Amino acid sequence: MHPIQLREERNFSEVINATFQFTFRNLKTLGPILLYFAAPFSLIAGISVGLFQSQIFDFTTKINRGANPFNFLFSLEYFLSIVFSLMGGQVLSLVVSSYLVEYMDHDGPVEASAVWEHVKKYFLRSVVVGLLYGGSLILGLALCFLPVVYPFTVFSLAMTAMVREDLSASEALARSRDLVHLNWTEGISTFGLRIVMSVATSILGSILSVPMYLVMFLQGLKVVGENMQWALLLSSVIATTGTTVITSLANVALGFQYFSLVEKKEGIGLMNEIESIGQARPVRDEGEY
């Protein structure tokens, strides 16, 4: 089976189609790699969410007894769920970018060990990217809504740019901004892509959250006993881990958008195609799917 070309100009719909095609074709190797690297963060986040939500049923009683509500809202479980969810999302983005780079550079199935080399090399840089990106969103939110849209859009390709081009955190953010600034249509396309993929992954993720909300609903109605904390923890872990993996679709889409914009600006893929004229194209063994 011929590999999917990453360096190729694609319009909005083609990026989305390529995203689902690539993800499902490579699910046999991409899925386990995502779970291997992101699952530990998702597991801790899921357990923290379950513990936090299990306390909701005691919340009203404690408030009536004069307890400080902020002690509940800013509990350790709540803090851990946020921290590890953010870390899991950052690692997920780095893993997907590393997978795309390995897919482009080598024939055959992508190995977890190869992705791990990228993760080790770029992890600290990815944290800096996440902090700068998050800081820009907070600053934009503090000003008003519109400034949030700008960093949300123009910095969204930074992770793939960093791994593909071996850039520092600031260079990756600048590179992402320059690509999205090619013309106003690319900015709208990138923003629309983020919105569409966010909505799609949210819908799919909400399906996985149904068991968790069902347990909470039944506990609220006193249909089941209050000793069902294990069920709430289990459903929270499933929902959090599953949502993390599903979120990879958005990261794959941003990766394809990055390569599309690079191709429009620099034509690297076209030059490679011209140089390879007359040479046999490799057939990639991507396994069964």
Protein backbone atom coordinates (compact mmCIF):
# COMPACT_ATOMS: atom_id res chain seq x y z
CA MET A 1 0.00 0.00 0.00
CA HIS A 2 1.42 3.37 -1.00
CA PRO A 3 2.05 5.77 1.89
CA ILE A 4 -0.09 8.84 2.33
CA GLN A 5 1.83 11.91 1.20
CA LEU A 6 2.12 14.44 4.01
CA ARG A 7 3.82 17.17 1.98
CA GLU A 8 0.90 17.99 -0.27
CA GLU A 9 -1.29 21.03 -0.77
CA ARG A 10 -4.76 20.34 0.57
CA ASN A 11 -7.87 22.43 0.98
CA PHE A 12 -10.08 22.39 4.07
CA SER A 13 -12.10 19.29 3.22
CA GLU A 14 -9.05 17.41 1.94
CA VAL A 15 -7.24 17.96 5.25
CA ILE A 16 -10.19 16.50 7.16
CA ASN A 17 -10.48 13.54 4.78
CA ALA A 18 -6.74 12.88 4.97
CA THR A 19 -6.90 13.06 8.77
CA PHE A 20 -9.47 10.29 9.10
CA GLN A 21 -7.88 8.22 6.34
CA PHE A 22 -4.42 8.46 7.91
CA THR A 23 -5.67 7.77 11.44
CA PHE A 24 -7.70 4.68 10.57
CA ARG A 25 -5.05 3.31 8.21
CA ASN A 26 -2.37 3.62 10.90
CA LEU A 27 -4.56 2.84 13.91
CA LYS A 28 -2.79 -0.48 14.46
CA THR A 29 0.49 1.29 15.24
CA LEU A 30 -0.68 4.78 16.22
CA GLY A 31 -3.24 3.59 18.78
CA PRO A 32 -0.85 1.58 20.99
CA ILE A 33 1.77 4.34 20.81
CA LEU A 34 -0.77 6.92 21.96
CA LEU A 35 -1.86 4.71 24.84
CA TYR A 36 1.73 3.91 25.78
CA PHE A 37 2.77 7.54 26.16
CA ALA A 38 -0.44 9.36 27.06
CA ALA A 39 -2.24 6.71 29.14
CA PRO A 40 -0.24 7.29 32.37
CA PHE A 41 -1.26 10.95 32.46
CA SER A 42 -4.84 10.11 31.48
CA LEU A 43 -5.02 7.39 34.12
CA ILE A 44 -4.00 9.74 36.93
CA ALA A 45 -6.28 12.47 35.57
CA GLY A 46 -9.18 10.00 35.31
CA ILE A 47 -8.73 8.78 38.88
CA SER A 48 -8.53 12.37 40.11
CA VAL A 49 -11.70 13.27 38.22
CA GLY A 50 -13.49 10.27 39.69
CA LEU A 51 -12.42 11.12 43.24
CA PHE A 52 -13.38 14.76 42.75
CA GLN A 53 -16.81 13.91 41.36
CA SER A 54 -17.44 11.39 44.12
CA GLN A 55 -17.19 14.30 46.56
CA ILE A 56 -19.93 16.24 44.80
CA PHE A 57 -22.61 14.24 46.62
CA ASP A 58 -21.29 15.44 49.97
CA PHE A 59 -20.89 19.01 48.78
CA THR A 60 -24.34 20.33 49.77
CA THR A 61 -24.18 18.74 53.19
CA LYS A 62 -20.77 20.21 53.93
CA ILE A 63 -21.84 23.68 52.76
CA ASN A 64 -24.86 23.56 55.07
CA ARG A 65 -22.53 22.75 57.92
CA GLY A 66 -20.52 25.89 57.24
CA ALA A 67 -17.64 24.40 55.26
CA ASN A 68 -15.68 26.68 52.96
CA PRO A 69 -16.77 25.93 49.35
CA PHE A 70 -13.34 26.91 48.03
CA ASN A 71 -11.82 24.00 49.92
CA PHE A 72 -13.91 21.77 47.69
CA LEU A 73 -13.44 23.61 44.42
CA PHE A 74 -9.67 23.81 44.85
CA SER A 75 -9.11 20.41 46.35
CA LEU A 76 -6.06 18.26 45.58
CA GLU A 77 -8.13 15.98 43.33
CA TYR A 78 -9.37 18.94 41.30
CA PHE A 79 -5.84 20.32 40.96
CA LEU A 80 -4.37 16.96 39.91
CA SER A 81 -7.11 16.38 37.34
CA ILE A 82 -6.34 19.72 35.66
CA VAL A 83 -2.54 19.34 35.77
CA PHE A 84 -2.43 15.80 34.41
CA SER A 85 -5.11 16.50 31.80
CA LEU A 86 -3.03 19.40 30.49
CA MET A 87 0.17 17.35 30.59
CA GLY A 88 -1.56 14.46 28.85
CA GLY A 89 -2.79 16.75 26.09
CA GLN A 90 0.68 18.22 25.63
CA VAL A 91 2.34 14.80 25.47
CA LEU A 92 -0.35 13.62 23.06
CA SER A 93 0.36 16.52 20.71
CA LEU A 94 4.10 15.82 20.88
CA VAL A 95 3.60 12.09 20.24
CA VAL A 96 1.37 12.71 17.20
CA SER A 97 3.86 15.20 15.74
CA SER A 98 6.69 12.72 16.33
CA TYR A 99 4.68 9.94 14.70
CA LEU A 100 4.03 12.07 11.61
CA VAL A 101 7.73 12.92 11.28
CA GLU A 102 8.76 9.26 11.63
CA TYR A 103 6.09 8.25 9.13
CA MET A 104 7.50 10.74 6.64
CA ASP A 105 11.17 9.88 7.16
CA HIS A 106 11.11 6.08 7.28
CA ASP A 107 9.44 3.24 5.40
CA GLY A 108 7.59 0.57 7.31
CA PRO A 109 5.54 0.72 10.51
CA VAL A 110 6.46 3.45 12.99
CA GLU A 111 8.09 2.04 16.11
CA ALA A 112 7.38 3.28 19.63
CA SER A 113 11.14 3.45 20.31
CA ALA A 114 11.59 5.93 17.45
CA VAL A 115 8.77 8.10 18.77
CA TRP A 116 10.29 7.91 22.24
CA GLU A 117 13.54 9.45 20.95
CA HIS A 118 11.59 12.47 19.74
CA VAL A 119 9.63 12.70 22.99
CA LYS A 120 12.84 12.71 25.06
CA LYS A 121 14.42 15.35 22.85
CA TYR A 122 11.48 17.74 22.62
CA PHE A 123 9.56 17.25 25.86
CA LEU A 124 10.97 20.27 27.69
CA ARG A 125 10.55 22.43 24.60
CA SER A 126 6.96 21.25 24.27
CA VAL A 127 6.30 22.30 27.87
CA VAL A 128 7.63 25.78 27.08
CA VAL A 129 5.47 25.90 23.95
CA GLY A 130 2.45 24.93 26.03
CA LEU A 131 3.18 27.56 28.67
CA LEU A 132 3.68 30.33 26.10
CA TYR A 133 0.61 29.24 24.16
CA GLY A 134 -1.51 28.99 27.29
CA GLY A 135 -0.23 32.35 28.50
CA SER A 136 -1.22 33.99 25.22
CA LEU A 137 -4.73 32.53 25.53
CA ILE A 138 -5.10 33.77 29.10
CA LEU A 139 -3.87 37.21 28.10
CA GLY A 140 -6.30 37.32 25.19
CA LEU A 141 -9.14 36.20 27.43
CA ALA A 142 -8.29 38.92 29.93
CA LEU A 143 -8.53 41.55 27.20
CA CYS A 144 -11.65 40.30 25.43
CA PHE A 145 -12.81 37.39 23.29
CA LEU A 146 -11.31 38.36 19.92
CA PRO A 147 -7.65 38.35 21.07
CA VAL A 148 -8.12 34.71 22.12
CA VAL A 149 -8.96 33.72 18.54
CA TYR A 150 -5.61 35.01 17.28
CA PRO A 151 -3.21 32.84 19.35
CA PHE A 152 -5.70 29.96 19.23
CA THR A 153 -5.25 29.99 15.45
CA VAL A 154 -1.77 31.21 14.58
CA PHE A 155 0.17 29.19 17.18
CA SER A 156 -1.69 25.91 16.66
CA LEU A 157 0.94 24.44 14.29
CA ALA A 158 3.90 25.07 16.60
CA MET A 159 4.31 21.50 17.88
CA THR A 160 4.63 19.90 14.46
CA ALA A 161 6.90 22.72 13.29
CA MET A 162 9.15 22.21 16.32
CA VAL A 163 9.59 18.47 15.78
CA ARG A 164 9.83 18.58 11.98
CA GLU A 165 12.28 21.48 11.79
CA ASP A 166 14.08 21.03 15.14
CA LEU A 167 13.14 24.49 16.39
CA SER A 168 13.19 26.10 19.81
CA ALA A 169 9.89 26.93 21.48
CA SER A 170 9.91 30.57 20.39
CA GLU A 171 11.05 29.66 16.86
CA ALA A 172 8.26 27.08 16.58
CA LEU A 173 5.61 29.61 17.59
CA ALA A 174 7.04 32.15 15.13
CA ARG A 175 7.14 29.55 12.35
CA SER A 176 3.51 28.60 12.99
CA ARG A 177 2.49 32.24 12.90
CA ASP A 178 4.33 32.84 9.62
CA LEU A 179 2.67 29.85 7.95
CA VAL A 180 -0.83 30.82 9.03
CA HIS A 181 -0.11 34.39 7.91
CA LEU A 182 0.45 33.29 4.28
CA ASN A 183 -2.90 34.89 3.46
CA TRP A 184 -6.21 35.49 5.18
CA THR A 185 -7.80 32.36 3.69
CA GLU A 186 -5.21 30.15 5.40
CA GLY A 187 -5.97 31.81 8.73
CA ILE A 188 -9.69 31.18 8.32
CA SER A 189 -9.01 27.62 7.18
CA THR A 190 -6.80 26.88 10.21
CA PHE A 191 -9.32 28.41 12.61
CA GLY A 192 -12.19 26.50 11.00
CA LEU A 193 -10.19 23.28 11.13
CA ARG A 194 -9.60 23.71 14.85
CA ILE A 195 -13.28 24.40 15.50
CA VAL A 196 -14.57 21.50 13.39
CA MET A 197 -12.13 18.97 14.84
CA SER A 198 -12.75 20.23 18.39
CA VAL A 199 -16.50 19.78 17.96
CA ALA A 200 -16.04 16.33 16.39
CA THR A 201 -13.72 15.09 19.14
CA SER A 202 -15.97 16.59 21.83
CA ILE A 203 -18.98 14.71 20.48
CA LEU A 204 -17.05 11.44 20.31
CA GLY A 205 -15.59 12.05 23.77
CA SER A 206 -19.01 12.76 25.25
CA ILE A 207 -20.16 9.32 24.14
CA LEU A 208 -17.40 7.76 26.23
CA SER A 209 -18.49 9.90 29.19
CA VAL A 210 -22.05 8.51 29.19
CA PRO A 211 -21.28 5.68 31.68
CA MET A 212 -19.66 8.15 34.08
CA TYR A 213 -22.62 10.53 33.99
CA LEU A 214 -25.02 7.60 34.30
CA VAL A 215 -23.35 6.45 37.52
CA MET A 216 -23.45 10.01 38.88
CA PHE A 217 -27.12 10.32 37.92
CA LEU A 218 -28.06 7.06 39.62
CA GLN A 219 -26.13 8.00 42.74
CA GLY A 220 -27.87 11.36 42.81
CA LEU A 221 -31.26 9.64 42.67
CA LYS A 222 -30.16 7.18 45.38
CA VAL A 223 -30.96 4.33 42.99
CA VAL A 224 -27.59 2.75 43.71
CA GLY A 225 -25.68 2.73 46.96
CA GLU A 226 -23.08 5.31 47.87
CA ASN A 227 -20.40 2.60 47.80
CA MET A 228 -20.27 2.76 43.99
CA GLN A 229 -17.13 4.89 44.01
CA TRP A 230 -15.23 2.14 42.18
CA ALA A 231 -17.72 2.38 39.28
CA LEU A 232 -17.32 6.14 39.14
CA LEU A 233 -13.53 5.82 39.15
CA LEU A 234 -13.58 3.16 36.43
CA SER A 235 -15.94 5.11 34.19
CA SER A 236 -13.89 8.29 34.74
CA VAL A 237 -10.68 6.54 33.71
CA ILE A 238 -12.33 5.10 30.60
CA ALA A 239 -13.79 8.48 29.65
CA THR A 240 -10.56 10.41 30.24
CA THR A 241 -8.29 7.90 28.49
CA GLY A 242 -10.66 7.46 25.56
CA THR A 243 -11.10 11.19 25.14
CA THR A 244 -7.32 11.63 25.15
CA VAL A 245 -6.91 9.16 22.30
CA ILE A 246 -9.80 10.66 20.34
CA THR A 247 -8.22 14.10 20.71
CA SER A 248 -5.35 12.80 18.58
CA LEU A 249 -7.61 13.33 15.55
CA ALA A 250 -7.35 17.09 16.06
CA ASN A 251 -3.56 16.86 16.37
CA VAL A 252 -3.30 14.79 13.19
CA ALA A 253 -5.42 17.38 11.38
CA LEU A 254 -3.13 20.19 12.54
CA GLY A 255 -0.16 18.15 11.33
CA PHE A 256 -1.66 17.84 7.86
CA GLN A 257 -2.47 21.56 7.89
CA TYR A 258 1.16 22.34 8.75
CA PHE A 259 2.52 20.26 5.88
CA SER A 260 -0.06 21.72 3.50
CA LEU A 261 0.92 25.30 4.35
CA VAL A 262 4.64 24.49 4.12
CA GLU A 263 4.03 23.02 0.68
CA LYS A 264 2.09 26.10 -0.43
CA LYS A 265 4.86 28.38 0.78
CA GLU A 266 8.00 26.43 -0.14
CA GLY A 267 7.00 23.58 -2.46
CA ILE A 268 9.34 21.07 -0.79
CA GLY A 269 7.17 18.08 -1.62
CA LEU A 270 6.87 19.15 -5.26
CA MET A 271 10.65 19.42 -5.59
CA ASN A 272 11.05 15.97 -4.05
CA GLU A 273 8.51 14.55 -6.51
CA ILE A 274 10.41 16.08 -9.43
CA GLU A 275 13.71 14.65 -8.19
CA SER A 276 12.15 11.19 -7.76
CA ILE A 277 10.76 10.99 -11.31
CA GLY A 278 11.67 7.62 -12.78
CA GLN A 279 12.31 6.06 -9.39
CA ALA A 280 10.05 3.34 -8.03
CA ARG A 281 7.82 4.55 -5.21
CA PRO A 282 8.15 2.47 -2.03
CA VAL A 283 5.27 0.31 -0.92
CA ARG A 284 4.65 0.77 2.77
CA ASP A 285 3.75 -2.15 5.01
CA GLU A 286 1.20 -0.61 7.35
CA GLY A 287 -0.28 -3.86 8.59
CA GLU A 288 -3.90 -4.93 8.51
CA TYR A 289 -6.69 -2.57 9.54
